[in-house]
Amino acid sequence: MATTQQIEANRLNAQNSTGPRSIEGKAVSRFNALKTGIDAKSQIIRGEDPAELDTLAAEYQQRWQPATPEQRLLVDTLIDCEWLLRRLRKAEAHLWECKMQELEAWKPKPECLLGDTLSRGCEEFSRLQRRIDSTSRNYHRALKELQRLESQRRDQASEAPPKLASFLTLASEDAEMPPPGAPGAAACQPFPPHPLTRPTPIPT
């Protein structure tokens, strides 16, 4: 049971960690959950290291830096597909090994071992390959859509500065033009006629 001093210390510590207080800090912190939805604990099976999945998720997060829920979902899809592809590749190797062990009782010829293994596990290998192909297609679909969104965001960012610069240029020119009658307005008036130029007389 906690003592009175520990309870008081916990209360004081809680007051010092209440999260961001400024408007800017709150606006940034509300997007913290958009980094990734991958949960290492729910994605790991026996023989897999959660730290490897955490590292993989961090690499994708650093590469794409999703800023919207749609981008986060696509990044999570990439992470999930790559992790599953790694698992299926290991399963394929284990399947080869299991089928070879089954053939050892029949003492097959060494030069025929690979072919006999594939023949005995043809259906299992086909199902596994279909799963690999499906996961790979999902990965590339998500990658293509994420690249499209990133390209669209870059195009929008590149179009904004010229418009702003044009507006600032016009505003600057307007600010430099003095109104008629103001000091310095004479400098903006048209040049007077050349002294050698005489006006054409009007016939009477």
N, C-alpha and C. Protein backbone atom coordinates (compact mmCIF):
# COMPACT_ATOMS: atom_id res chain seq x y z
N MET A 1 0.84 -1.19 0.00
CA MET A 1 0.00 0.00 0.00
C MET A 1 0.88 1.24 0.00
N ALA A 2 0.50 2.23 -0.83
CA ALA A 2 1.31 3.44 -0.96
C ALA A 2 1.20 4.29 0.29
N THR A 3 2.33 4.90 0.64
CA THR A 3 2.35 5.79 1.80
C THR A 3 1.80 7.16 1.42
N THR A 4 1.60 7.99 2.45
CA THR A 4 1.09 9.34 2.21
C THR A 4 2.07 10.16 1.38
N GLN A 5 3.37 9.98 1.66
CA GLN A 5 4.38 10.71 0.90
C GLN A 5 4.38 10.29 -0.57
N GLN A 6 4.20 8.97 -0.85
CA GLN A 6 4.18 8.50 -2.24
C GLN A 6 2.96 9.02 -2.98
N ILE A 7 1.83 9.05 -2.31
CA ILE A 7 0.61 9.56 -2.94
C ILE A 7 0.77 11.03 -3.29
N GLU A 8 1.35 11.79 -2.37
CA GLU A 8 1.56 13.21 -2.61
C GLU A 8 2.55 13.44 -3.75
N ALA A 9 3.60 12.61 -3.80
CA ALA A 9 4.59 12.73 -4.88
C ALA A 9 3.97 12.39 -6.23
N ASN A 10 3.12 11.36 -6.27
CA ASN A 10 2.45 11.00 -7.52
C ASN A 10 1.52 12.12 -7.98
N ARG A 11 0.85 12.76 -7.01
CA ARG A 11 -0.06 13.84 -7.36
C ARG A 11 0.70 15.02 -7.97
N LEU A 12 1.87 15.34 -7.39
CA LEU A 12 2.67 16.43 -7.92
C LEU A 12 3.24 16.10 -9.29
N ASN A 13 3.67 14.86 -9.48
CA ASN A 13 4.19 14.46 -10.79
C ASN A 13 3.12 14.52 -11.86
N ALA A 14 1.90 14.14 -11.51
CA ALA A 14 0.80 14.17 -12.48
C ALA A 14 0.51 15.58 -12.94
N GLN A 15 0.68 16.56 -12.06
CA GLN A 15 0.44 17.95 -12.43
C GLN A 15 1.48 18.46 -13.42
N ASN A 16 2.66 17.85 -13.42
CA ASN A 16 3.73 18.28 -14.32
C ASN A 16 3.68 17.59 -15.67
N SER A 17 2.78 16.65 -15.90
CA SER A 17 2.71 15.90 -17.16
C SER A 17 1.28 15.87 -17.67
N THR A 18 0.71 17.05 -17.86
CA THR A 18 -0.68 17.15 -18.33
C THR A 18 -0.78 17.30 -19.84
N GLY A 19 0.34 17.13 -20.55
CA GLY A 19 0.29 17.25 -22.00
C GLY A 19 0.47 18.68 -22.46
N PRO A 20 0.39 18.89 -23.78
CA PRO A 20 0.58 20.25 -24.31
C PRO A 20 -0.54 21.18 -23.87
N ARG A 21 -0.18 22.42 -23.61
CA ARG A 21 -1.16 23.41 -23.15
C ARG A 21 -1.42 24.50 -24.18
N SER A 22 -0.44 24.80 -25.02
CA SER A 22 -0.63 25.85 -26.02
C SER A 22 -1.50 25.34 -27.16
N ILE A 23 -2.04 26.28 -27.92
CA ILE A 23 -2.88 25.91 -29.07
C ILE A 23 -2.06 25.16 -30.11
N GLU A 24 -0.81 25.63 -30.34
CA GLU A 24 0.05 24.96 -31.32
C GLU A 24 0.38 23.54 -30.88
N GLY A 25 0.70 23.38 -29.60
CA GLY A 25 1.04 22.05 -29.10
C GLY A 25 -0.11 21.07 -29.18
N LYS A 26 -1.32 21.55 -28.85
CA LYS A 26 -2.49 20.68 -28.93
C LYS A 26 -2.80 20.32 -30.38
N ALA A 27 -2.58 21.26 -31.30
CA ALA A 27 -2.85 20.97 -32.71
C ALA A 27 -1.91 19.91 -33.26
N VAL A 28 -0.66 19.91 -32.77
CA VAL A 28 0.30 18.90 -33.22
C VAL A 28 0.05 17.55 -32.55
N SER A 29 -0.25 17.56 -31.26
CA SER A 29 -0.40 16.30 -30.52
C SER A 29 -1.61 15.51 -30.96
N ARG A 30 -2.64 16.18 -31.50
CA ARG A 30 -3.83 15.43 -31.88
C ARG A 30 -3.59 14.55 -33.10
N PHE A 31 -2.44 14.73 -33.79
CA PHE A 31 -2.10 13.89 -34.92
C PHE A 31 -1.10 12.80 -34.54
N ASN A 32 -0.77 12.67 -33.27
CA ASN A 32 0.20 11.66 -32.87
C ASN A 32 -0.29 10.25 -33.18
N ALA A 33 -1.60 10.02 -33.07
CA ALA A 33 -2.14 8.69 -33.31
C ALA A 33 -2.15 8.32 -34.78
N LEU A 34 -1.83 9.26 -35.68
CA LEU A 34 -1.86 8.97 -37.10
C LEU A 34 -0.58 8.32 -37.59
N LYS A 35 0.39 8.12 -36.71
CA LYS A 35 1.66 7.59 -37.17
C LYS A 35 1.49 6.19 -37.75
N THR A 36 0.93 5.28 -36.99
CA THR A 36 0.71 3.93 -37.48
C THR A 36 -0.29 3.24 -36.58
N GLY A 37 -1.03 2.32 -37.17
CA GLY A 37 -1.99 1.55 -36.39
C GLY A 37 -1.52 0.13 -36.15
N ILE A 38 -0.31 -0.19 -36.59
CA ILE A 38 0.22 -1.54 -36.44
C ILE A 38 0.53 -1.81 -34.97
N ASP A 39 0.01 -2.91 -34.46
CA ASP A 39 0.26 -3.33 -33.08
C ASP A 39 1.15 -4.57 -33.12
N ALA A 40 2.38 -4.43 -32.65
CA ALA A 40 3.33 -5.53 -32.74
C ALA A 40 2.84 -6.77 -32.00
N LYS A 41 2.18 -6.57 -30.87
CA LYS A 41 1.75 -7.71 -30.06
C LYS A 41 0.73 -8.58 -30.80
N SER A 42 -0.16 -7.94 -31.55
CA SER A 42 -1.20 -8.70 -32.25
C SER A 42 -0.74 -9.25 -33.58
N GLN A 43 0.43 -8.84 -34.06
CA GLN A 43 0.92 -9.28 -35.36
C GLN A 43 1.99 -10.36 -35.26
N ILE A 44 2.40 -10.69 -34.06
CA ILE A 44 3.54 -11.60 -33.87
C ILE A 44 3.04 -13.01 -33.56
N ILE A 45 3.68 -14.00 -34.18
CA ILE A 45 3.44 -15.40 -33.85
C ILE A 45 4.74 -15.99 -33.33
N ARG A 46 4.68 -17.23 -32.92
CA ARG A 46 5.88 -17.87 -32.36
C ARG A 46 7.01 -17.88 -33.38
N GLY A 47 8.20 -17.56 -32.88
CA GLY A 47 9.37 -17.54 -33.75
C GLY A 47 9.66 -16.19 -34.37
N GLU A 48 8.80 -15.19 -34.12
CA GLU A 48 9.00 -13.85 -34.68
C GLU A 48 9.37 -12.86 -33.57
N ASP A 49 10.13 -11.85 -33.92
CA ASP A 49 10.62 -10.87 -32.96
C ASP A 49 9.80 -9.58 -33.07
N PRO A 50 9.11 -9.16 -32.01
CA PRO A 50 8.34 -7.91 -32.08
C PRO A 50 9.21 -6.71 -32.40
N ALA A 51 10.47 -6.72 -31.98
CA ALA A 51 11.35 -5.58 -32.25
C ALA A 51 11.57 -5.40 -33.75
N GLU A 52 11.58 -6.50 -34.50
CA GLU A 52 11.76 -6.39 -35.95
C GLU A 52 10.56 -5.71 -36.60
N LEU A 53 9.36 -6.01 -36.13
CA LEU A 53 8.17 -5.34 -36.65
C LEU A 53 8.16 -3.87 -36.27
N ASP A 54 8.58 -3.56 -35.05
CA ASP A 54 8.66 -2.15 -34.63
C ASP A 54 9.64 -1.39 -35.52
N THR A 55 10.78 -2.02 -35.83
CA THR A 55 11.77 -1.38 -36.69
C THR A 55 11.22 -1.17 -38.09
N LEU A 56 10.53 -2.18 -38.61
CA LEU A 56 9.94 -2.08 -39.94
C LEU A 56 8.90 -0.95 -39.99
N ALA A 57 8.04 -0.87 -38.97
CA ALA A 57 7.03 0.18 -38.93
C ALA A 57 7.68 1.56 -38.85
N ALA A 58 8.75 1.68 -38.07
CA ALA A 58 9.43 2.97 -37.94
C ALA A 58 10.06 3.40 -39.26
N GLU A 59 10.59 2.44 -40.02
CA GLU A 59 11.19 2.76 -41.32
C GLU A 59 10.14 3.28 -42.30
N TYR A 60 8.99 2.63 -42.33
CA TYR A 60 7.93 3.10 -43.23
C TYR A 60 7.39 4.45 -42.77
N GLN A 61 7.27 4.64 -41.47
CA GLN A 61 6.80 5.91 -40.94
C GLN A 61 7.75 7.04 -41.30
N GLN A 62 9.04 6.80 -41.19
CA GLN A 62 10.02 7.82 -41.53
C GLN A 62 10.03 8.09 -43.03
N ARG A 63 9.81 7.05 -43.83
CA ARG A 63 9.82 7.21 -45.29
C ARG A 63 8.63 8.03 -45.79
N TRP A 64 7.43 7.75 -45.31
CA TRP A 64 6.23 8.36 -45.86
C TRP A 64 5.65 9.48 -45.00
N GLN A 65 5.85 9.42 -43.68
CA GLN A 65 5.33 10.45 -42.77
C GLN A 65 3.87 10.77 -43.07
N PRO A 66 2.98 9.81 -42.85
CA PRO A 66 1.56 10.02 -43.17
C PRO A 66 0.96 11.15 -42.33
N ALA A 67 0.20 12.02 -42.99
CA ALA A 67 -0.41 13.17 -42.31
C ALA A 67 -1.92 13.10 -42.25
N THR A 68 -2.52 12.09 -42.89
CA THR A 68 -3.97 11.94 -42.90
C THR A 68 -4.32 10.49 -42.58
N PRO A 69 -5.57 10.23 -42.17
CA PRO A 69 -5.97 8.84 -41.91
C PRO A 69 -5.84 7.95 -43.14
N GLU A 70 -6.08 8.51 -44.34
CA GLU A 70 -5.96 7.71 -45.56
C GLU A 70 -4.51 7.28 -45.78
N GLN A 71 -3.59 8.20 -45.61
CA GLN A 71 -2.18 7.87 -45.78
C GLN A 71 -1.71 6.88 -44.70
N ARG A 72 -2.21 7.05 -43.49
CA ARG A 72 -1.85 6.13 -42.42
C ARG A 72 -2.29 4.70 -42.75
N LEU A 73 -3.52 4.56 -43.29
CA LEU A 73 -4.02 3.23 -43.66
C LEU A 73 -3.16 2.61 -44.74
N LEU A 74 -2.75 3.39 -45.71
CA LEU A 74 -1.91 2.86 -46.79
C LEU A 74 -0.54 2.45 -46.26
N VAL A 75 0.02 3.24 -45.37
CA VAL A 75 1.31 2.88 -44.78
C VAL A 75 1.18 1.61 -43.95
N ASP A 76 0.10 1.50 -43.19
CA ASP A 76 -0.12 0.29 -42.41
C ASP A 76 -0.26 -0.93 -43.32
N THR A 77 -0.89 -0.75 -44.47
CA THR A 77 -1.03 -1.85 -45.43
C THR A 77 0.33 -2.30 -45.95
N LEU A 78 1.20 -1.34 -46.23
CA LEU A 78 2.55 -1.69 -46.69
C LEU A 78 3.30 -2.47 -45.61
N ILE A 79 3.19 -2.01 -44.38
CA ILE A 79 3.88 -2.70 -43.28
C ILE A 79 3.35 -4.11 -43.11
N ASP A 80 2.02 -4.24 -43.09
CA ASP A 80 1.40 -5.54 -42.90
C ASP A 80 1.75 -6.50 -44.03
N CYS A 81 1.73 -6.01 -45.26
CA CYS A 81 2.03 -6.87 -46.41
C CYS A 81 3.49 -7.33 -46.39
N GLU A 82 4.40 -6.42 -46.10
CA GLU A 82 5.81 -6.84 -46.08
C GLU A 82 6.07 -7.83 -44.95
N TRP A 83 5.46 -7.58 -43.79
CA TRP A 83 5.65 -8.52 -42.69
C TRP A 83 5.09 -9.89 -43.03
N LEU A 84 3.93 -9.93 -43.69
CA LEU A 84 3.32 -11.19 -44.08
C LEU A 84 4.14 -11.89 -45.15
N LEU A 85 4.70 -11.13 -46.08
CA LEU A 85 5.55 -11.73 -47.11
C LEU A 85 6.79 -12.37 -46.50
N ARG A 86 7.37 -11.72 -45.51
CA ARG A 86 8.51 -12.33 -44.82
C ARG A 86 8.11 -13.65 -44.18
N ARG A 87 6.93 -13.67 -43.56
CA ARG A 87 6.46 -14.88 -42.91
C ARG A 87 6.19 -15.99 -43.93
N LEU A 88 5.58 -15.64 -45.05
CA LEU A 88 5.26 -16.64 -46.06
C LEU A 88 6.52 -17.20 -46.71
N ARG A 89 7.54 -16.38 -46.85
CA ARG A 89 8.80 -16.88 -47.40
C ARG A 89 9.44 -17.90 -46.45
N LYS A 90 9.37 -17.61 -45.16
CA LYS A 90 9.88 -18.58 -44.19
C LYS A 90 9.04 -19.85 -44.22
N ALA A 91 7.71 -19.69 -44.34
CA ALA A 91 6.84 -20.86 -44.40
C ALA A 91 7.15 -21.70 -45.61
N GLU A 92 7.48 -21.07 -46.71
CA GLU A 92 7.83 -21.82 -47.92
C GLU A 92 9.08 -22.68 -47.69
N ALA A 93 10.08 -22.08 -47.04
CA ALA A 93 11.29 -22.86 -46.74
C ALA A 93 10.99 -24.00 -45.80
N HIS A 94 10.13 -23.75 -44.78
CA HIS A 94 9.77 -24.82 -43.85
C HIS A 94 8.98 -25.92 -44.55
N LEU A 95 8.14 -25.53 -45.51
CA LEU A 95 7.37 -26.53 -46.24
C LEU A 95 8.28 -27.44 -47.06
N TRP A 96 9.28 -26.88 -47.69
CA TRP A 96 10.25 -27.70 -48.41
C TRP A 96 10.92 -28.69 -47.46
N GLU A 97 11.33 -28.19 -46.30
CA GLU A 97 12.02 -29.05 -45.35
C GLU A 97 11.12 -30.17 -44.84
N CYS A 98 9.86 -29.84 -44.56
CA CYS A 98 8.93 -30.87 -44.06
C CYS A 98 8.69 -31.96 -45.10
N LYS A 99 8.50 -31.57 -46.34
CA LYS A 99 8.27 -32.55 -47.39
C LYS A 99 9.52 -33.41 -47.63
N MET A 100 10.67 -32.83 -47.51
CA MET A 100 11.91 -33.61 -47.66
C MET A 100 12.05 -34.62 -46.53
N GLN A 101 11.69 -34.23 -45.30
CA GLN A 101 11.76 -35.17 -44.19
C GLN A 101 10.79 -36.33 -44.37
N GLU A 102 9.61 -36.06 -44.94
CA GLU A 102 8.68 -37.14 -45.20
C GLU A 102 9.22 -38.14 -46.22
N LEU A 103 10.00 -37.64 -47.16
CA LEU A 103 10.54 -38.52 -48.20
C LEU A 103 11.72 -39.36 -47.71
N GLU A 104 12.33 -38.96 -46.60
CA GLU A 104 13.51 -39.69 -46.13
C GLU A 104 13.17 -41.14 -45.81
N ALA A 105 11.94 -41.41 -45.38
CA ALA A 105 11.56 -42.80 -45.07
C ALA A 105 11.55 -43.67 -46.32
N TRP A 106 11.35 -43.05 -47.47
CA TRP A 106 11.30 -43.80 -48.73
C TRP A 106 12.67 -43.88 -49.39
N LYS A 107 13.65 -43.29 -48.80
CA LYS A 107 15.03 -43.31 -49.30
C LYS A 107 15.09 -42.97 -50.80
N PRO A 108 14.69 -41.74 -51.14
CA PRO A 108 14.72 -41.36 -52.55
C PRO A 108 16.15 -41.13 -53.03
N LYS A 109 16.33 -41.15 -54.33
CA LYS A 109 17.64 -40.85 -54.89
C LYS A 109 17.97 -39.37 -54.63
N PRO A 110 19.19 -39.07 -54.26
CA PRO A 110 19.55 -37.68 -53.97
C PRO A 110 19.27 -36.74 -55.13
N GLU A 111 19.51 -37.21 -56.38
CA GLU A 111 19.29 -36.33 -57.52
C GLU A 111 17.81 -36.12 -57.83
N CYS A 112 16.94 -36.92 -57.19
CA CYS A 112 15.50 -36.77 -57.41
C CYS A 112 14.78 -36.16 -56.21
N LEU A 113 15.50 -35.83 -55.17
CA LEU A 113 14.87 -35.39 -53.93
C LEU A 113 14.04 -34.12 -54.13
N LEU A 114 14.59 -33.14 -54.84
CA LEU A 114 13.88 -31.88 -55.01
C LEU A 114 12.60 -32.07 -55.82
N GLY A 115 12.70 -32.84 -56.89
CA GLY A 115 11.52 -33.07 -57.71
C GLY A 115 10.47 -33.88 -56.99
N ASP A 116 10.87 -34.90 -56.24
CA ASP A 116 9.92 -35.70 -55.47
C ASP A 116 9.23 -34.85 -54.40
N THR A 117 10.01 -33.95 -53.79
CA THR A 117 9.43 -33.07 -52.76
C THR A 117 8.36 -32.16 -53.35
N LEU A 118 8.65 -31.57 -54.50
CA LEU A 118 7.68 -30.69 -55.15
C LEU A 118 6.44 -31.47 -55.59
N SER A 119 6.66 -32.70 -56.04
CA SER A 119 5.53 -33.52 -56.48
C SER A 119 4.60 -33.87 -55.32
N ARG A 120 5.17 -34.19 -54.18
CA ARG A 120 4.36 -34.57 -53.04
C ARG A 120 3.65 -33.37 -52.41
N GLY A 121 4.24 -32.20 -52.52
CA GLY A 121 3.64 -31.01 -51.91
C GLY A 121 3.12 -30.02 -52.93
N CYS A 122 2.75 -30.51 -54.13
CA CYS A 122 2.35 -29.61 -55.20
C CYS A 122 1.16 -28.74 -54.79
N GLU A 123 0.15 -29.32 -54.16
CA GLU A 123 -1.03 -28.57 -53.78
C GLU A 123 -0.71 -27.53 -52.71
N GLU A 124 0.08 -27.93 -51.71
CA GLU A 124 0.43 -26.99 -50.66
C GLU A 124 1.28 -25.83 -51.20
N PHE A 125 2.22 -26.15 -52.09
CA PHE A 125 3.05 -25.10 -52.67
C PHE A 125 2.21 -24.14 -53.52
N SER A 126 1.23 -24.67 -54.24
CA SER A 126 0.37 -23.82 -55.07
C SER A 126 -0.46 -22.87 -54.21
N ARG A 127 -1.03 -23.39 -53.13
CA ARG A 127 -1.81 -22.52 -52.25
C ARG A 127 -0.94 -21.43 -51.64
N LEU A 128 0.26 -21.81 -51.24
CA LEU A 128 1.16 -20.84 -50.64
C LEU A 128 1.55 -19.76 -51.65
N GLN A 129 1.80 -20.16 -52.90
CA GLN A 129 2.19 -19.20 -53.91
C GLN A 129 1.04 -18.24 -54.22
N ARG A 130 -0.19 -18.74 -54.22
CA ARG A 130 -1.33 -17.85 -54.44
C ARG A 130 -1.43 -16.82 -53.32
N ARG A 131 -1.16 -17.24 -52.11
CA ARG A 131 -1.19 -16.29 -50.99
C ARG A 131 -0.07 -15.26 -51.12
N ILE A 132 1.08 -15.67 -51.55
CA ILE A 132 2.19 -14.73 -51.76
C ILE A 132 1.85 -13.73 -52.85
N ASP A 133 1.29 -14.23 -53.96
CA ASP A 133 0.94 -13.34 -55.07
C ASP A 133 -0.13 -12.33 -54.65
N SER A 134 -1.13 -12.78 -53.91
CA SER A 134 -2.19 -11.88 -53.46
C SER A 134 -1.65 -10.80 -52.53
N THR A 135 -0.78 -11.17 -51.61
CA THR A 135 -0.20 -10.19 -50.68
C THR A 135 0.68 -9.20 -51.43
N SER A 136 1.41 -9.68 -52.42
CA SER A 136 2.27 -8.80 -53.21
C SER A 136 1.44 -7.80 -54.01
N ARG A 137 0.32 -8.24 -54.56
CA ARG A 137 -0.55 -7.31 -55.29
C ARG A 137 -1.12 -6.25 -54.37
N ASN A 138 -1.53 -6.64 -53.17
CA ASN A 138 -2.04 -5.66 -52.21
C ASN A 138 -0.98 -4.63 -51.86
N TYR A 139 0.25 -5.10 -51.73
CA TYR A 139 1.35 -4.19 -51.40
C TYR A 139 1.53 -3.15 -52.50
N HIS A 140 1.58 -3.60 -53.74
CA HIS A 140 1.86 -2.67 -54.84
C HIS A 140 0.67 -1.75 -55.12
N ARG A 141 -0.55 -2.20 -54.86
CA ARG A 141 -1.70 -1.30 -55.00
C ARG A 141 -1.63 -0.18 -53.97
N ALA A 142 -1.33 -0.54 -52.73
CA ALA A 142 -1.21 0.48 -51.69
C ALA A 142 -0.04 1.42 -51.98
N LEU A 143 1.07 0.87 -52.47
CA LEU A 143 2.23 1.70 -52.79
C LEU A 143 1.91 2.68 -53.91
N LYS A 144 1.21 2.23 -54.93
CA LYS A 144 0.87 3.10 -56.05
C LYS A 144 -0.05 4.23 -55.60
N GLU A 145 -1.04 3.91 -54.76
CA GLU A 145 -1.96 4.94 -54.28
C GLU A 145 -1.25 5.93 -53.37
N LEU A 146 -0.34 5.45 -52.55
CA LEU A 146 0.41 6.34 -51.67
C LEU A 146 1.31 7.26 -52.47
N GLN A 147 1.92 6.74 -53.51
CA GLN A 147 2.75 7.57 -54.38
C GLN A 147 1.91 8.62 -55.10
N ARG A 148 0.68 8.27 -55.47
CA ARG A 148 -0.19 9.23 -56.13
C ARG A 148 -0.56 10.38 -55.18
N LEU A 149 -0.88 10.04 -53.95
CA LEU A 149 -1.22 11.07 -52.97
C LEU A 149 -0.03 11.97 -52.68
N GLU A 150 1.14 11.38 -52.60
CA GLU A 150 2.34 12.18 -52.34
C GLU A 150 2.64 13.11 -53.50
N SER A 151 2.47 12.62 -54.74
CA SER A 151 2.69 13.46 -55.91
C SER A 151 1.68 14.59 -55.96
N GLN A 152 0.43 14.29 -55.62
CA GLN A 152 -0.60 15.32 -55.59
C GLN A 152 -0.29 16.39 -54.55
N ARG A 153 0.22 15.97 -53.40
CA ARG A 153 0.57 16.93 -52.36
C ARG A 153 1.74 17.81 -52.80
N ARG A 154 2.73 17.23 -53.50
CA ARG A 154 3.86 18.02 -53.99
C ARG A 154 3.41 19.03 -55.04
N ASP A 155 2.49 18.61 -55.91
CA ASP A 155 2.00 19.53 -56.95
C ASP A 155 1.26 20.71 -56.33
N GLN A 156 0.45 20.44 -55.33
CA GLN A 156 -0.28 21.52 -54.67
C GLN A 156 0.66 22.47 -53.96
N ALA A 157 1.72 21.92 -53.36
CA ALA A 157 2.68 22.77 -52.66
C ALA A 157 3.48 23.63 -53.63
N SER A 158 3.78 23.09 -54.83
CA SER A 158 4.57 23.85 -55.80
C SER A 158 3.75 24.93 -56.49
N GLU A 159 2.42 24.76 -56.54
CA GLU A 159 1.58 25.76 -57.19
C GLU A 159 1.29 26.95 -56.28
N ALA A 160 1.36 26.78 -54.99
CA ALA A 160 1.00 27.85 -54.06
C ALA A 160 1.99 29.02 -54.05
N PRO A 161 3.32 28.81 -54.00
CA PRO A 161 4.25 29.95 -53.89
C PRO A 161 4.16 30.96 -55.03
N PRO A 162 4.05 30.54 -56.35
CA PRO A 162 3.97 31.56 -57.39
C PRO A 162 2.77 32.49 -57.23
N LYS A 163 1.62 31.95 -56.83
CA LYS A 163 0.45 32.79 -56.63
C LYS A 163 0.68 33.79 -55.51
N LEU A 164 1.29 33.32 -54.44
CA LEU A 164 1.57 34.21 -53.32
C LEU A 164 2.59 35.27 -53.71
N ALA A 165 3.61 34.86 -54.45
CA ALA A 165 4.62 35.82 -54.87
C ALA A 165 4.02 36.87 -55.80
N SER A 166 3.13 36.48 -56.71
CA SER A 166 2.49 37.43 -57.60
C SER A 166 1.64 38.43 -56.82
N PHE A 167 0.92 37.93 -55.83
CA PHE A 167 0.10 38.82 -55.00
C PHE A 167 0.96 39.82 -54.25
N LEU A 168 2.08 39.34 -53.67
CA LEU A 168 2.95 40.24 -52.93
C LEU A 168 3.58 41.27 -53.84
N THR A 169 3.89 40.90 -55.09
CA THR A 169 4.48 41.85 -56.03
C THR A 169 3.51 42.96 -56.37
N LEU A 170 2.25 42.59 -56.64
CA LEU A 170 1.24 43.60 -56.95
C LEU A 170 1.00 44.52 -55.75
N ALA A 171 0.95 43.93 -54.56
CA ALA A 171 0.73 44.74 -53.37
C ALA A 171 1.88 45.69 -53.15
N SER A 172 3.10 45.25 -53.44
CA SER A 172 4.27 46.11 -53.26
C SER A 172 4.24 47.26 -54.25
N GLU A 173 3.85 46.97 -55.50
CA GLU A 173 3.78 48.02 -56.51
C GLU A 173 2.72 49.05 -56.15
N ASP A 174 1.57 48.58 -55.65
CA ASP A 174 0.52 49.50 -55.25
C ASP A 174 0.97 50.38 -54.08
N ALA A 175 1.74 49.80 -53.17
CA ALA A 175 2.19 50.57 -52.01
C ALA A 175 3.18 51.66 -52.40
N GLU A 176 3.96 51.44 -53.48
CA GLU A 176 4.97 52.41 -53.88
C GLU A 176 4.38 53.55 -54.72
N MET A 177 3.18 53.41 -55.24
CA MET A 177 2.56 54.45 -56.06
C MET A 177 1.91 55.49 -55.17
N PRO A 178 2.43 56.72 -55.08
CA PRO A 178 1.82 57.76 -54.25
C PRO A 178 0.55 58.27 -54.91
N PRO A 179 -0.45 58.64 -54.13
CA PRO A 179 -1.69 59.19 -54.70
C PRO A 179 -1.44 60.55 -55.33
N PRO A 180 -2.30 60.99 -56.25
CA PRO A 180 -2.14 62.31 -56.89
C PRO A 180 -2.16 63.42 -55.85
N GLY A 181 -1.26 64.37 -55.99
CA GLY A 181 -1.20 65.49 -55.06
C GLY A 181 -0.35 65.24 -53.84
N ALA A 182 0.06 63.98 -53.63
CA ALA A 182 0.87 63.67 -52.46
C ALA A 182 2.32 64.03 -52.73
N PRO A 183 3.12 64.26 -51.67
CA PRO A 183 4.55 64.54 -51.88
C PRO A 183 5.21 63.40 -52.62
N GLY A 184 5.95 63.73 -53.64
CA GLY A 184 6.60 62.71 -54.43
C GLY A 184 5.76 62.22 -55.57
N ALA A 185 4.51 62.71 -55.68
CA ALA A 185 3.65 62.25 -56.77
C ALA A 185 4.12 62.79 -58.10
N ALA A 186 4.83 63.92 -58.09
CA ALA A 186 5.29 64.50 -59.36
C ALA A 186 6.25 63.58 -60.07
N ALA A 187 6.96 62.78 -59.30
CA ALA A 187 7.92 61.87 -59.93
C ALA A 187 7.23 60.82 -60.76
N CYS A 188 5.94 60.62 -60.50
CA CYS A 188 5.22 59.58 -61.22
C CYS A 188 4.46 60.15 -62.42
N GLN A 189 4.53 61.51 -62.61
CA GLN A 189 3.81 62.13 -63.71
C GLN A 189 4.54 61.87 -65.02
N PRO A 190 3.85 62.00 -66.18
CA PRO A 190 4.51 61.81 -67.48
C PRO A 190 5.59 62.85 -67.70
N PHE A 191 6.58 62.52 -68.55
CA PHE A 191 7.66 63.46 -68.86
C PHE A 191 7.08 64.66 -69.62
N PRO A 192 7.57 65.89 -69.35
CA PRO A 192 7.09 67.07 -70.10
C PRO A 192 7.58 66.99 -71.53
N PRO A 193 6.94 67.70 -72.46
CA PRO A 193 7.38 67.67 -73.87
C PRO A 193 8.77 68.27 -74.03
N HIS A 194 9.47 67.80 -75.04
CA HIS A 194 10.84 68.28 -75.31
C HIS A 194 10.78 69.75 -75.64
N PRO A 195 11.74 70.54 -75.12
CA PRO A 195 11.69 72.00 -75.36
C PRO A 195 11.76 72.36 -76.83
N LEU A 196 12.37 71.57 -77.71
CA LEU A 196 12.48 71.88 -79.11
C LEU A 196 11.21 71.52 -79.89
N THR A 197 10.35 70.79 -79.21
CA THR A 197 9.12 70.40 -79.89
C THR A 197 8.09 71.47 -79.72
N ARG A 198 7.58 72.01 -80.84
CA ARG A 198 6.59 73.06 -80.79
C ARG A 198 5.22 72.51 -81.15
N PRO A 199 4.19 73.02 -80.51
CA PRO A 199 2.86 72.52 -80.84
C PRO A 199 2.43 72.97 -82.22
N THR A 200 1.71 72.19 -82.88
CA THR A 200 1.20 72.50 -84.23
C THR A 200 0.17 73.59 -84.12
N PRO A 201 0.34 74.72 -84.88
CA PRO A 201 -0.66 75.81 -84.76
C PRO A 201 -1.99 75.40 -85.32
N ILE A 202 -3.02 75.87 -84.72
CA ILE A 202 -4.38 75.55 -85.15
C ILE A 202 -4.80 76.60 -86.16
N PRO A 203 -5.13 76.22 -87.39
CA PRO A 203 -5.54 77.23 -88.41
C PRO A 203 -6.81 77.97 -88.00
N THR A 204 -6.85 79.26 -88.31
CA THR A 204 -8.03 80.07 -87.97
C THR A 204 -8.85 80.35 -89.22
